[in-house]
Amino acid sequence: MVTGGPLRPGGVALTAEIMDICRPGRGSAVLDVGCGPGHTLALLASKYKLRPTGLDPSASMLARAATRAPGARLLQGRATAIPCGQLSFEMVIAECVLSLTGDIEMSLGEMYTVLRPGGVLVVTDIYKKRSEISADLPDINSCISHARPLTDIEKGVAAAGFKEYRLFDRSELLRQLAGQIIFDYGSLEKFWQLFMAEEAARRTCCAVTAAPLGYYVLIAEKGAPYG
């Protein structure tokens, strides 16, 4: 079932792929922003031998993360006000969460602040392929309803102070997830009915069709200070 792991395109397989690209040193301090029930935290600790910290606004999610990744440090808070000191981490990860923070520019600025010089930021999220589309989405807090164009993300990364970054389009993973959901539930509309009323689920499916979406992976590095 698609709900057996993290409900995001690529799941932890994409996380592992990114870690193999970034190759963080053993024992590196890593912040997982919006850690949810702790799937990524467990992977970082067990496979890559990193020192993960999970940040999430939900106490219930943190409780689940404590069970799944018992060695991780867990903090309750939001990306717009990360409760950690400056230069605390070698890596910050935000998987399918940046669009949900309410202010991507402020969130990226906070992530920059807690990263050490030479530290790496990893962001994965849904984006809108056509910025002029205004989707008629129900009032639900989801990556889809808050998706932004890639140009907005790039501007936010630059404004935060990151000088170097790589951007990968992984929209095929979004299509794979949609296909798996249809296989498991019969249709996307039936899946959305797990979270909202029938009419709202219908509107969501129609809106997503009208506003083509993609999925990106962004890897940025915090440069060393001048001088």
N, C-alpha and C. Protein backbone atom coordinates (compact mmCIF):
# COMPACT_ATOMS: atom_id res chain seq x y z
N MET A 1 0.84 -1.20 0.00
CA MET A 1 0.00 0.00 0.00
C MET A 1 0.88 1.25 0.00
N VAL A 2 0.40 2.30 -0.67
CA VAL A 2 1.17 3.52 -0.79
C VAL A 2 1.38 4.19 0.56
N THR A 3 0.47 3.96 1.51
CA THR A 3 0.58 4.60 2.81
C THR A 3 1.52 3.86 3.76
N GLY A 4 2.19 2.81 3.29
CA GLY A 4 3.09 2.06 4.15
C GLY A 4 4.36 2.82 4.48
N GLY A 5 4.69 3.84 3.73
CA GLY A 5 5.87 4.66 3.98
C GLY A 5 5.49 6.12 3.90
N PRO A 6 6.48 7.01 3.78
CA PRO A 6 6.15 8.44 3.68
C PRO A 6 5.38 8.73 2.41
N LEU A 7 4.32 9.51 2.53
CA LEU A 7 3.46 9.80 1.39
C LEU A 7 4.01 11.00 0.63
N ARG A 8 5.07 10.75 -0.12
CA ARG A 8 5.65 11.79 -0.96
C ARG A 8 6.32 11.11 -2.15
N PRO A 9 6.44 11.79 -3.27
CA PRO A 9 7.04 11.19 -4.46
C PRO A 9 8.46 10.67 -4.19
N GLY A 10 8.69 9.44 -4.56
CA GLY A 10 10.01 8.85 -4.40
C GLY A 10 10.25 8.20 -3.05
N GLY A 11 9.49 8.62 -2.02
CA GLY A 11 9.64 8.06 -0.68
C GLY A 11 11.09 8.10 -0.19
N VAL A 12 11.44 7.16 0.67
CA VAL A 12 12.81 7.14 1.22
C VAL A 12 13.83 6.69 0.18
N ALA A 13 13.38 6.07 -0.91
CA ALA A 13 14.31 5.70 -1.98
C ALA A 13 14.93 6.96 -2.59
N LEU A 14 14.13 8.01 -2.76
CA LEU A 14 14.67 9.28 -3.27
C LEU A 14 15.60 9.91 -2.23
N THR A 15 15.24 9.82 -0.96
CA THR A 15 16.11 10.34 0.09
C THR A 15 17.48 9.67 0.02
N ALA A 16 17.50 8.35 -0.13
CA ALA A 16 18.75 7.62 -0.21
C ALA A 16 19.54 8.03 -1.46
N GLU A 17 18.84 8.24 -2.56
CA GLU A 17 19.50 8.67 -3.79
C GLU A 17 20.19 10.01 -3.59
N ILE A 18 19.51 10.93 -2.90
CA ILE A 18 20.07 12.25 -2.63
C ILE A 18 21.27 12.15 -1.69
N MET A 19 21.15 11.32 -0.66
CA MET A 19 22.27 11.14 0.27
C MET A 19 23.50 10.59 -0.45
N ASP A 20 23.29 9.71 -1.41
CA ASP A 20 24.41 9.15 -2.16
C ASP A 20 25.07 10.19 -3.06
N ILE A 21 24.29 11.21 -3.45
CA ILE A 21 24.86 12.32 -4.21
C ILE A 21 25.64 13.26 -3.29
N CYS A 22 25.05 13.61 -2.15
CA CYS A 22 25.66 14.58 -1.23
C CYS A 22 26.79 13.99 -0.40
N ARG A 23 26.70 12.72 -0.08
CA ARG A 23 27.72 11.99 0.67
C ARG A 23 28.14 12.72 1.95
N PRO A 24 27.20 12.95 2.86
CA PRO A 24 27.57 13.59 4.13
C PRO A 24 28.49 12.69 4.95
N GLY A 25 29.41 13.31 5.67
CA GLY A 25 30.36 12.54 6.46
C GLY A 25 29.69 11.82 7.62
N ARG A 26 30.20 10.67 7.95
CA ARG A 26 29.67 9.89 9.07
C ARG A 26 29.64 10.76 10.33
N GLY A 27 28.52 10.74 11.02
CA GLY A 27 28.38 11.52 12.24
C GLY A 27 27.96 12.96 12.03
N SER A 28 27.72 13.37 10.78
CA SER A 28 27.30 14.74 10.52
C SER A 28 25.95 15.04 11.17
N ALA A 29 25.80 16.27 11.65
CA ALA A 29 24.54 16.71 12.24
C ALA A 29 23.61 17.15 11.13
N VAL A 30 22.42 16.54 11.08
CA VAL A 30 21.46 16.80 10.00
C VAL A 30 20.11 17.17 10.61
N LEU A 31 19.51 18.24 10.09
CA LEU A 31 18.17 18.66 10.52
C LEU A 31 17.16 18.26 9.46
N ASP A 32 16.14 17.51 9.87
CA ASP A 32 15.03 17.14 8.99
C ASP A 32 13.85 18.03 9.34
N VAL A 33 13.59 19.02 8.49
CA VAL A 33 12.51 19.98 8.72
C VAL A 33 11.18 19.36 8.27
N GLY A 34 10.21 19.33 9.17
CA GLY A 34 8.95 18.67 8.87
C GLY A 34 9.15 17.17 8.83
N CYS A 35 9.74 16.64 9.90
CA CYS A 35 10.16 15.23 9.89
C CYS A 35 9.00 14.25 9.93
N GLY A 36 7.79 14.71 10.29
CA GLY A 36 6.65 13.80 10.33
C GLY A 36 6.89 12.61 11.23
N PRO A 37 6.49 11.42 10.81
CA PRO A 37 6.62 10.23 11.67
C PRO A 37 8.01 9.61 11.70
N GLY A 38 9.00 10.26 11.06
CA GLY A 38 10.38 9.85 11.26
C GLY A 38 10.99 8.88 10.28
N HIS A 39 10.40 8.69 9.11
CA HIS A 39 10.97 7.76 8.14
C HIS A 39 12.38 8.17 7.71
N THR A 40 12.56 9.46 7.40
CA THR A 40 13.87 9.94 6.98
C THR A 40 14.86 9.90 8.14
N LEU A 41 14.42 10.26 9.33
CA LEU A 41 15.30 10.22 10.50
C LEU A 41 15.87 8.82 10.70
N ALA A 42 15.03 7.82 10.58
CA ALA A 42 15.47 6.44 10.76
C ALA A 42 16.49 6.05 9.70
N LEU A 43 16.25 6.46 8.46
CA LEU A 43 17.18 6.16 7.37
C LEU A 43 18.53 6.82 7.61
N LEU A 44 18.51 8.09 7.99
CA LEU A 44 19.76 8.82 8.19
C LEU A 44 20.60 8.20 9.31
N ALA A 45 19.93 7.76 10.36
CA ALA A 45 20.66 7.19 11.49
C ALA A 45 21.16 5.78 11.20
N SER A 46 20.30 4.96 10.60
CA SER A 46 20.65 3.54 10.45
C SER A 46 21.58 3.28 9.27
N LYS A 47 21.27 3.83 8.11
CA LYS A 47 22.06 3.54 6.91
C LYS A 47 23.28 4.43 6.77
N TYR A 48 23.13 5.72 7.11
CA TYR A 48 24.22 6.67 6.85
C TYR A 48 24.98 7.08 8.11
N LYS A 49 24.56 6.59 9.27
CA LYS A 49 25.26 6.83 10.53
C LYS A 49 25.43 8.32 10.81
N LEU A 50 24.38 9.08 10.54
CA LEU A 50 24.38 10.51 10.80
C LEU A 50 23.72 10.80 12.15
N ARG A 51 23.81 12.04 12.60
CA ARG A 51 23.17 12.46 13.85
C ARG A 51 21.97 13.34 13.52
N PRO A 52 20.80 12.73 13.35
CA PRO A 52 19.64 13.49 12.88
C PRO A 52 18.88 14.19 14.00
N THR A 53 18.38 15.37 13.67
CA THR A 53 17.44 16.10 14.51
C THR A 53 16.16 16.29 13.70
N GLY A 54 15.03 15.98 14.29
CA GLY A 54 13.75 16.15 13.61
C GLY A 54 13.00 17.34 14.15
N LEU A 55 12.46 18.16 13.24
CA LEU A 55 11.66 19.33 13.60
C LEU A 55 10.28 19.18 13.01
N ASP A 56 9.25 19.32 13.83
CA ASP A 56 7.88 19.22 13.33
C ASP A 56 6.95 20.00 14.27
N PRO A 57 5.91 20.65 13.73
CA PRO A 57 4.97 21.37 14.60
C PRO A 57 4.01 20.46 15.34
N SER A 58 3.90 19.20 14.92
CA SER A 58 2.91 18.28 15.47
C SER A 58 3.50 17.39 16.56
N ALA A 59 2.95 17.47 17.77
CA ALA A 59 3.41 16.62 18.87
C ALA A 59 3.14 15.15 18.58
N SER A 60 2.02 14.86 17.91
CA SER A 60 1.69 13.46 17.61
C SER A 60 2.66 12.88 16.59
N MET A 61 3.08 13.67 15.62
CA MET A 61 4.07 13.21 14.65
C MET A 61 5.41 12.96 15.33
N LEU A 62 5.79 13.84 16.23
CA LEU A 62 7.05 13.67 16.94
C LEU A 62 7.03 12.42 17.82
N ALA A 63 5.87 12.11 18.38
CA ALA A 63 5.75 10.89 19.19
C ALA A 63 5.97 9.65 18.33
N ARG A 64 5.44 9.67 17.11
CA ARG A 64 5.65 8.55 16.20
C ARG A 64 7.10 8.48 15.76
N ALA A 65 7.72 9.66 15.54
CA ALA A 65 9.12 9.69 15.14
C ALA A 65 10.02 9.15 16.25
N ALA A 66 9.66 9.39 17.49
CA ALA A 66 10.45 8.89 18.62
C ALA A 66 10.48 7.37 18.65
N THR A 67 9.38 6.76 18.22
CA THR A 67 9.32 5.30 18.17
C THR A 67 10.11 4.76 16.99
N ARG A 68 10.00 5.43 15.84
CA ARG A 68 10.65 4.93 14.62
C ARG A 68 12.15 5.22 14.62
N ALA A 69 12.55 6.35 15.19
CA ALA A 69 13.97 6.74 15.21
C ALA A 69 14.34 7.13 16.64
N PRO A 70 14.47 6.15 17.54
CA PRO A 70 14.65 6.44 18.96
C PRO A 70 15.91 7.22 19.30
N GLY A 71 16.92 7.19 18.44
CA GLY A 71 18.14 7.91 18.73
C GLY A 71 18.16 9.34 18.27
N ALA A 72 17.11 9.78 17.56
CA ALA A 72 17.09 11.13 16.99
C ALA A 72 16.70 12.16 18.05
N ARG A 73 17.27 13.33 17.93
CA ARG A 73 16.85 14.48 18.73
C ARG A 73 15.59 15.05 18.07
N LEU A 74 14.57 15.34 18.86
CA LEU A 74 13.30 15.81 18.32
C LEU A 74 12.92 17.15 18.92
N LEU A 75 12.47 18.07 18.05
CA LEU A 75 12.10 19.42 18.46
C LEU A 75 10.74 19.77 17.89
N GLN A 76 9.90 20.41 18.68
CA GLN A 76 8.62 20.89 18.19
C GLN A 76 8.78 22.34 17.78
N GLY A 77 8.43 22.64 16.54
CA GLY A 77 8.58 24.00 16.05
C GLY A 77 8.32 24.06 14.56
N ARG A 78 8.48 25.25 14.01
CA ARG A 78 8.19 25.49 12.60
C ARG A 78 9.42 25.97 11.84
N ALA A 79 9.37 25.78 10.53
CA ALA A 79 10.51 26.15 9.68
C ALA A 79 10.74 27.65 9.67
N THR A 80 9.73 28.44 9.94
CA THR A 80 9.88 29.90 9.92
C THR A 80 10.56 30.42 11.19
N ALA A 81 10.74 29.57 12.18
CA ALA A 81 11.42 29.96 13.43
C ALA A 81 12.08 28.71 14.01
N ILE A 82 13.14 28.25 13.39
CA ILE A 82 13.80 27.01 13.80
C ILE A 82 14.45 27.20 15.17
N PRO A 83 14.08 26.39 16.14
CA PRO A 83 14.58 26.58 17.51
C PRO A 83 15.96 25.97 17.74
N CYS A 84 16.90 26.39 16.91
CA CYS A 84 18.28 25.89 17.01
C CYS A 84 19.22 27.08 16.84
N GLY A 85 20.43 26.96 17.37
CA GLY A 85 21.40 28.02 17.25
C GLY A 85 21.98 28.12 15.84
N GLN A 86 22.63 29.23 15.57
CA GLN A 86 23.29 29.42 14.29
C GLN A 86 24.39 28.37 14.11
N LEU A 87 24.60 27.98 12.87
CA LEU A 87 25.70 27.10 12.49
C LEU A 87 25.64 25.76 13.22
N SER A 88 24.44 25.20 13.33
CA SER A 88 24.24 23.96 14.11
C SER A 88 24.39 22.68 13.29
N PHE A 89 24.24 22.76 11.97
CA PHE A 89 24.11 21.54 11.18
C PHE A 89 25.00 21.56 9.93
N GLU A 90 25.43 20.35 9.54
CA GLU A 90 26.12 20.20 8.26
C GLU A 90 25.14 20.02 7.10
N MET A 91 23.92 19.65 7.41
CA MET A 91 22.92 19.44 6.36
C MET A 91 21.53 19.75 6.92
N VAL A 92 20.70 20.34 6.07
CA VAL A 92 19.28 20.55 6.37
C VAL A 92 18.47 19.93 5.24
N ILE A 93 17.48 19.13 5.60
CA ILE A 93 16.61 18.47 4.62
C ILE A 93 15.17 18.94 4.83
N ALA A 94 14.51 19.27 3.74
CA ALA A 94 13.09 19.64 3.80
C ALA A 94 12.38 18.92 2.65
N GLU A 95 11.75 17.80 2.95
CA GLU A 95 11.14 16.97 1.92
C GLU A 95 9.63 17.19 1.88
N CYS A 96 9.18 17.74 0.77
CA CYS A 96 7.75 17.97 0.52
C CYS A 96 7.13 18.79 1.66
N VAL A 97 7.88 19.81 2.13
CA VAL A 97 7.38 20.60 3.26
C VAL A 97 7.54 22.10 3.07
N LEU A 98 8.46 22.55 2.23
CA LEU A 98 8.73 23.98 2.09
C LEU A 98 7.46 24.76 1.71
N SER A 99 6.68 24.20 0.79
CA SER A 99 5.47 24.90 0.34
C SER A 99 4.43 25.03 1.44
N LEU A 100 4.56 24.22 2.50
CA LEU A 100 3.58 24.23 3.59
C LEU A 100 3.96 25.17 4.72
N THR A 101 5.13 25.79 4.64
CA THR A 101 5.62 26.56 5.78
C THR A 101 4.93 27.92 5.94
N GLY A 102 4.24 28.36 4.90
CA GLY A 102 3.56 29.65 4.97
C GLY A 102 4.39 30.81 4.47
N ASP A 103 5.71 30.69 4.51
CA ASP A 103 6.60 31.76 4.04
C ASP A 103 7.91 31.09 3.62
N ILE A 104 8.04 30.79 2.33
CA ILE A 104 9.21 30.04 1.89
C ILE A 104 10.49 30.86 2.03
N GLU A 105 10.39 32.18 1.85
CA GLU A 105 11.58 33.02 1.96
C GLU A 105 12.10 33.01 3.40
N MET A 106 11.20 33.19 4.37
CA MET A 106 11.62 33.17 5.77
C MET A 106 12.17 31.81 6.16
N SER A 107 11.51 30.75 5.68
CA SER A 107 11.95 29.39 6.01
C SER A 107 13.34 29.11 5.45
N LEU A 108 13.58 29.48 4.20
CA LEU A 108 14.90 29.28 3.60
C LEU A 108 15.96 30.09 4.33
N GLY A 109 15.60 31.29 4.78
CA GLY A 109 16.53 32.10 5.56
C GLY A 109 16.90 31.44 6.88
N GLU A 110 15.91 30.82 7.53
CA GLU A 110 16.17 30.10 8.78
C GLU A 110 17.08 28.89 8.53
N MET A 111 16.83 28.19 7.45
CA MET A 111 17.66 27.03 7.12
C MET A 111 19.10 27.45 6.84
N TYR A 112 19.26 28.57 6.17
CA TYR A 112 20.60 29.09 5.90
C TYR A 112 21.31 29.42 7.21
N THR A 113 20.59 30.02 8.14
CA THR A 113 21.18 30.45 9.40
C THR A 113 21.70 29.28 10.22
N VAL A 114 20.94 28.18 10.25
CA VAL A 114 21.36 27.05 11.10
C VAL A 114 22.40 26.16 10.43
N LEU A 115 22.65 26.38 9.13
CA LEU A 115 23.69 25.61 8.44
C LEU A 115 25.07 26.18 8.71
N ARG A 116 26.05 25.31 8.83
CA ARG A 116 27.43 25.73 8.95
C ARG A 116 27.99 26.06 7.56
N PRO A 117 29.03 26.88 7.47
CA PRO A 117 29.66 27.15 6.17
C PRO A 117 30.07 25.84 5.48
N GLY A 118 29.72 25.72 4.23
CA GLY A 118 29.96 24.48 3.50
C GLY A 118 28.85 23.47 3.66
N GLY A 119 27.87 23.79 4.50
CA GLY A 119 26.74 22.89 4.72
C GLY A 119 25.82 22.82 3.51
N VAL A 120 25.02 21.76 3.48
CA VAL A 120 24.20 21.47 2.31
C VAL A 120 22.71 21.54 2.67
N LEU A 121 21.95 22.18 1.81
CA LEU A 121 20.50 22.22 1.92
C LEU A 121 19.90 21.32 0.85
N VAL A 122 18.95 20.48 1.25
CA VAL A 122 18.23 19.62 0.31
C VAL A 122 16.74 19.93 0.44
N VAL A 123 16.13 20.31 -0.67
CA VAL A 123 14.69 20.58 -0.69
C VAL A 123 14.06 19.76 -1.80
N THR A 124 12.99 19.05 -1.49
CA THR A 124 12.17 18.40 -2.52
C THR A 124 10.74 18.88 -2.32
N ASP A 125 10.04 19.11 -3.42
CA ASP A 125 8.66 19.61 -3.27
C ASP A 125 7.96 19.61 -4.63
N ILE A 126 6.65 19.78 -4.56
CA ILE A 126 5.82 19.95 -5.74
C ILE A 126 5.92 21.39 -6.22
N TYR A 127 5.87 21.59 -7.53
CA TYR A 127 5.85 22.95 -8.07
C TYR A 127 4.79 23.06 -9.17
N LYS A 128 4.36 24.29 -9.39
CA LYS A 128 3.40 24.58 -10.47
C LYS A 128 4.16 24.80 -11.78
N LYS A 129 3.76 24.08 -12.82
CA LYS A 129 4.42 24.23 -14.11
C LYS A 129 3.96 25.48 -14.86
N ARG A 130 2.75 25.95 -14.56
CA ARG A 130 2.24 27.16 -15.19
C ARG A 130 1.76 28.09 -14.09
N SER A 131 2.50 29.17 -13.88
CA SER A 131 2.22 30.05 -12.75
C SER A 131 0.91 30.81 -12.91
N GLU A 132 0.42 30.94 -14.15
CA GLU A 132 -0.81 31.73 -14.34
C GLU A 132 -2.07 30.95 -13.97
N ILE A 133 -1.94 29.66 -13.77
CA ILE A 133 -3.10 28.86 -13.41
C ILE A 133 -3.48 29.13 -11.96
N SER A 134 -4.76 29.39 -11.72
CA SER A 134 -5.28 29.56 -10.37
C SER A 134 -6.25 28.41 -10.11
N ALA A 135 -5.78 27.39 -9.41
CA ALA A 135 -6.57 26.19 -9.21
C ALA A 135 -7.67 26.40 -8.17
N ASP A 136 -8.84 25.84 -8.43
CA ASP A 136 -9.97 25.93 -7.51
C ASP A 136 -9.88 24.79 -6.51
N LEU A 137 -8.94 24.93 -5.57
CA LEU A 137 -8.72 23.87 -4.61
C LEU A 137 -9.48 24.11 -3.32
N PRO A 138 -9.95 23.05 -2.67
CA PRO A 138 -10.58 23.21 -1.36
C PRO A 138 -9.58 23.74 -0.33
N ASP A 139 -10.09 24.20 0.77
CA ASP A 139 -9.25 24.75 1.83
C ASP A 139 -8.62 23.61 2.61
N ILE A 140 -7.54 23.08 2.07
CA ILE A 140 -6.81 21.99 2.72
C ILE A 140 -5.32 22.31 2.67
N ASN A 141 -4.63 22.07 3.75
CA ASN A 141 -3.20 22.38 3.84
C ASN A 141 -2.41 21.24 3.22
N SER A 142 -2.07 21.38 1.95
CA SER A 142 -1.33 20.33 1.25
C SER A 142 -0.29 20.96 0.33
N CYS A 143 0.70 20.14 -0.06
CA CYS A 143 1.73 20.61 -0.99
C CYS A 143 1.11 21.06 -2.30
N ILE A 144 0.03 20.40 -2.71
CA ILE A 144 -0.62 20.73 -3.98
C ILE A 144 -1.24 22.12 -3.93
N SER A 145 -1.99 22.41 -2.85
CA SER A 145 -2.70 23.69 -2.78
C SER A 145 -1.75 24.86 -2.58
N HIS A 146 -0.53 24.61 -2.07
CA HIS A 146 0.43 25.69 -1.83
C HIS A 146 1.61 25.67 -2.79
N ALA A 147 1.52 24.88 -3.86
CA ALA A 147 2.63 24.78 -4.81
C ALA A 147 2.94 26.14 -5.44
N ARG A 148 4.23 26.39 -5.65
CA ARG A 148 4.70 27.64 -6.25
C ARG A 148 5.49 27.32 -7.52
N PRO A 149 5.63 28.29 -8.42
CA PRO A 149 6.48 28.07 -9.60
C PRO A 149 7.94 27.91 -9.19
N LEU A 150 8.71 27.21 -10.01
CA LEU A 150 10.13 27.01 -9.71
C LEU A 150 10.89 28.32 -9.62
N THR A 151 10.47 29.32 -10.38
CA THR A 151 11.16 30.61 -10.32
C THR A 151 11.06 31.21 -8.92
N ASP A 152 9.94 31.01 -8.24
CA ASP A 152 9.80 31.51 -6.86
C ASP A 152 10.77 30.81 -5.92
N ILE A 153 10.94 29.51 -6.11
CA ILE A 153 11.86 28.75 -5.26
C ILE A 153 13.30 29.23 -5.48
N GLU A 154 13.68 29.41 -6.75
CA GLU A 154 15.03 29.85 -7.06
C GLU A 154 15.31 31.24 -6.49
N LYS A 155 14.33 32.13 -6.57
CA LYS A 155 14.49 33.46 -6.00
C LYS A 155 14.65 33.39 -4.48
N GLY A 156 13.88 32.51 -3.84
CA GLY A 156 13.97 32.36 -2.39
C GLY A 156 15.32 31.83 -1.96
N VAL A 157 15.85 30.87 -2.71
CA VAL A 157 17.16 30.29 -2.40
C VAL A 157 18.25 31.36 -2.53
N ALA A 158 18.18 32.16 -3.60
CA ALA A 158 19.17 33.22 -3.80
C ALA A 158 19.04 34.29 -2.71
N ALA A 159 17.81 34.66 -2.37
CA ALA A 159 17.59 35.69 -1.35
C ALA A 159 18.10 35.25 0.02
N ALA A 160 18.04 33.94 0.29
CA ALA A 160 18.51 33.43 1.57
C ALA A 160 20.02 33.51 1.71
N GLY A 161 20.74 33.58 0.58
CA GLY A 161 22.18 33.70 0.62
C GLY A 161 22.95 32.56 -0.03
N PHE A 162 22.24 31.53 -0.48
CA PHE A 162 22.92 30.42 -1.14
C PHE A 162 23.44 30.87 -2.50
N LYS A 163 24.68 30.55 -2.78
CA LYS A 163 25.31 30.99 -4.03
C LYS A 163 25.36 29.89 -5.09
N GLU A 164 25.40 28.66 -4.65
CA GLU A 164 25.51 27.54 -5.58
C GLU A 164 24.37 26.57 -5.32
N TYR A 165 23.71 26.13 -6.37
CA TYR A 165 22.69 25.11 -6.18
C TYR A 165 22.48 24.34 -7.48
N ARG A 166 21.96 23.13 -7.31
CA ARG A 166 21.60 22.29 -8.45
C ARG A 166 20.12 21.97 -8.35
N LEU A 167 19.43 22.00 -9.48
CA LEU A 167 18.00 21.78 -9.52
C LEU A 167 17.71 20.63 -10.48
N PHE A 168 16.98 19.63 -9.98
CA PHE A 168 16.65 18.46 -10.79
C PHE A 168 15.14 18.33 -10.89
N ASP A 169 14.63 18.14 -12.09
CA ASP A 169 13.20 17.87 -12.27
C ASP A 169 12.96 16.37 -12.13
N ARG A 170 12.16 15.99 -11.15
CA ARG A 170 11.85 14.59 -10.91
C ARG A 170 10.33 14.36 -10.98
N SER A 171 9.72 15.00 -11.96
CA SER A 171 8.26 14.92 -12.10
C SER A 171 7.77 13.51 -12.36
N GLU A 172 8.65 12.65 -12.86
CA GLU A 172 8.23 11.27 -13.10
C GLU A 172 7.86 10.56 -11.80
N LEU A 173 8.45 11.00 -10.69
CA LEU A 173 8.12 10.41 -9.39
C LEU A 173 6.72 10.79 -8.94
N LEU A 174 6.28 11.99 -9.32
CA LEU A 174 4.92 12.42 -9.01
C LEU A 174 3.92 11.57 -9.78
N ARG A 175 4.24 11.29 -11.03
CA ARG A 175 3.37 10.44 -11.85
C ARG A 175 3.35 9.01 -11.30
N GLN A 176 4.50 8.52 -10.86
CA GLN A 176 4.55 7.17 -10.29
C GLN A 176 3.70 7.07 -9.02
N LEU A 177 3.76 8.10 -8.18
CA LEU A 177 2.96 8.11 -6.96
C LEU A 177 1.47 8.13 -7.29
N ALA A 178 1.08 8.95 -8.26
CA ALA A 178 -0.32 9.00 -8.67
C ALA A 178 -0.78 7.64 -9.17
N GLY A 179 0.07 6.98 -9.96
CA GLY A 179 -0.28 5.66 -10.47
C GLY A 179 -0.43 4.64 -9.36
N GLN A 180 0.44 4.69 -8.35
CA GLN A 180 0.36 3.76 -7.22
C GLN A 180 -0.91 4.01 -6.41
N ILE A 181 -1.26 5.29 -6.24
CA ILE A 181 -2.49 5.62 -5.51
C ILE A 181 -3.71 5.07 -6.24
N ILE A 182 -3.74 5.23 -7.56
CA ILE A 182 -4.87 4.72 -8.34
C ILE A 182 -4.93 3.20 -8.23
N PHE A 183 -3.78 2.56 -8.25
CA PHE A 183 -3.74 1.10 -8.12
C PHE A 183 -4.28 0.66 -6.76
N ASP A 184 -3.90 1.38 -5.70
CA ASP A 184 -4.30 1.00 -4.35
C ASP A 184 -5.75 1.35 -4.02
N TYR A 185 -6.22 2.49 -4.54
CA TYR A 185 -7.53 3.00 -4.11
C TYR A 185 -8.59 3.01 -5.22
N GLY A 186 -8.20 2.74 -6.44
CA GLY A 186 -9.16 2.73 -7.54
C GLY A 186 -9.20 4.01 -8.32
N SER A 187 -8.94 5.16 -7.66
CA SER A 187 -8.91 6.46 -8.32
C SER A 187 -8.29 7.47 -7.37
N LEU A 188 -7.82 8.57 -7.95
CA LEU A 188 -7.29 9.65 -7.11
C LEU A 188 -8.40 10.28 -6.27
N GLU A 189 -9.59 10.34 -6.84
CA GLU A 189 -10.71 10.94 -6.10
C GLU A 189 -11.03 10.14 -4.84
N LYS A 190 -11.01 8.83 -4.93
CA LYS A 190 -11.27 8.00 -3.75
C LYS A 190 -10.18 8.17 -2.70
N PHE A 191 -8.94 8.37 -3.16
CA PHE A 191 -7.86 8.62 -2.21
C PHE A 191 -8.09 9.92 -1.46
N TRP A 192 -8.44 10.99 -2.20
CA TRP A 192 -8.65 12.28 -1.54
C TRP A 192 -9.85 12.25 -0.59
N GLN A 193 -10.77 11.33 -0.83
CA GLN A 193 -11.92 11.21 0.07
C GLN A 193 -11.51 10.71 1.46
N LEU A 194 -10.30 10.19 1.59
CA LEU A 194 -9.80 9.82 2.91
C LEU A 194 -9.57 11.05 3.78
N PHE A 195 -9.38 12.20 3.13
CA PHE A 195 -9.00 13.42 3.85
C PHE A 195 -10.05 14.53 3.78
N MET A 196 -11.03 14.38 2.91
CA MET A 196 -12.01 15.45 2.72
C MET A 196 -13.32 14.87 2.21
N ALA A 197 -14.33 15.73 2.18
CA ALA A 197 -15.65 15.31 1.71
C ALA A 197 -15.61 14.99 0.22
N GLU A 198 -16.64 14.28 -0.25
CA GLU A 198 -16.67 13.80 -1.63
C GLU A 198 -16.59 14.94 -2.64
N GLU A 199 -17.34 16.02 -2.42
CA GLU A 199 -17.33 17.14 -3.36
C GLU A 199 -15.96 17.82 -3.38
N ALA A 200 -15.36 17.98 -2.20
CA ALA A 200 -14.03 18.58 -2.13
C ALA A 200 -13.00 17.71 -2.85
N ALA A 201 -13.12 16.40 -2.73
CA ALA A 201 -12.22 15.48 -3.42
C ALA A 201 -12.37 15.62 -4.93
N ARG A 202 -13.60 15.75 -5.39
CA ARG A 202 -13.84 15.92 -6.82
C ARG A 202 -13.21 17.22 -7.32
N ARG A 203 -13.39 18.30 -6.56
CA ARG A 203 -12.81 19.59 -6.94
C ARG A 203 -11.29 19.53 -6.96
N THR A 204 -10.72 18.81 -6.02
CA THR A 204 -9.26 18.68 -5.97
C THR A 204 -8.73 18.01 -7.22
N CYS A 205 -9.36 16.91 -7.63
CA CYS A 205 -8.92 16.19 -8.82
C CYS A 205 -9.05 17.06 -10.07
N CYS A 206 -10.15 17.79 -10.18
CA CYS A 206 -10.35 18.68 -11.33
C CYS A 206 -9.32 19.80 -11.35
N ALA A 207 -9.03 20.37 -10.17
CA ALA A 207 -8.09 21.48 -10.09
C ALA A 207 -6.68 21.03 -10.43
N VAL A 208 -6.28 19.86 -9.95
CA VAL A 208 -4.94 19.34 -10.24
C VAL A 208 -4.77 19.08 -11.73
N THR A 209 -5.82 18.60 -12.38
CA THR A 209 -5.78 18.37 -13.82
C THR A 209 -5.61 19.68 -14.58
N ALA A 210 -6.25 20.74 -14.07
CA ALA A 210 -6.20 22.04 -14.73
C ALA A 210 -4.88 22.77 -14.47
N ALA A 211 -4.20 22.44 -13.40
CA ALA A 211 -2.96 23.12 -13.04
C ALA A 211 -1.82 22.10 -13.00
N PRO A 212 -1.19 21.83 -14.13
CA PRO A 212 -0.14 20.80 -14.18
C PRO A 212 0.94 21.03 -13.12
N LEU A 213 1.30 19.95 -12.45
CA LEU A 213 2.27 20.03 -11.37
C LEU A 213 3.51 19.20 -11.69
N GLY A 214 4.62 19.57 -11.11
CA GLY A 214 5.86 18.81 -11.23
C GLY A 214 6.48 18.62 -9.87
N TYR A 215 7.62 17.94 -9.85
CA TYR A 215 8.32 17.66 -8.59
C TYR A 215 9.80 17.93 -8.81
N TYR A 216 10.42 18.64 -7.86
CA TYR A 216 11.82 19.00 -8.02
C TYR A 216 12.65 18.55 -6.83
N VAL A 217 13.95 18.43 -7.08
CA VAL A 217 14.96 18.24 -6.04
C VAL A 217 15.96 19.38 -6.18
N LEU A 218 16.19 20.10 -5.11
CA LEU A 218 17.16 21.19 -5.11
C LEU A 218 18.22 20.90 -4.06
N ILE A 219 19.48 21.00 -4.47
CA ILE A 219 20.61 20.81 -3.57
C ILE A 219 21.45 22.09 -3.62
N ALA A 220 21.57 22.77 -2.48
CA ALA A 220 22.30 24.03 -2.42
C ALA A 220 23.39 23.94 -1.37
N GLU A 221 24.42 24.75 -1.52
CA GLU A 221 25.53 24.76 -0.57
C GLU A 221 25.70 26.16 0.01
N LYS A 222 25.91 26.22 1.31
CA LYS A 222 26.21 27.49 1.97
C LYS A 222 27.69 27.74 1.86
N GLY A 223 28.06 28.81 1.15
CA GLY A 223 29.46 29.09 0.95
C GLY A 223 30.17 29.52 2.21
N ALA A 224 31.47 29.36 2.21
CA ALA A 224 32.29 29.81 3.33
C ALA A 224 32.31 31.33 3.35
N PRO A 225 32.41 31.95 4.53
CA PRO A 225 32.44 33.41 4.60
C PRO A 225 33.69 33.97 3.94
N TYR A 226 33.57 35.18 3.39
CA TYR A 226 34.74 35.80 2.74
C TYR A 226 35.76 36.22 3.79
N GLY A 227 37.00 36.20 3.37
CA GLY A 227 38.05 36.69 4.25
C GLY A 227 38.64 35.60 5.08
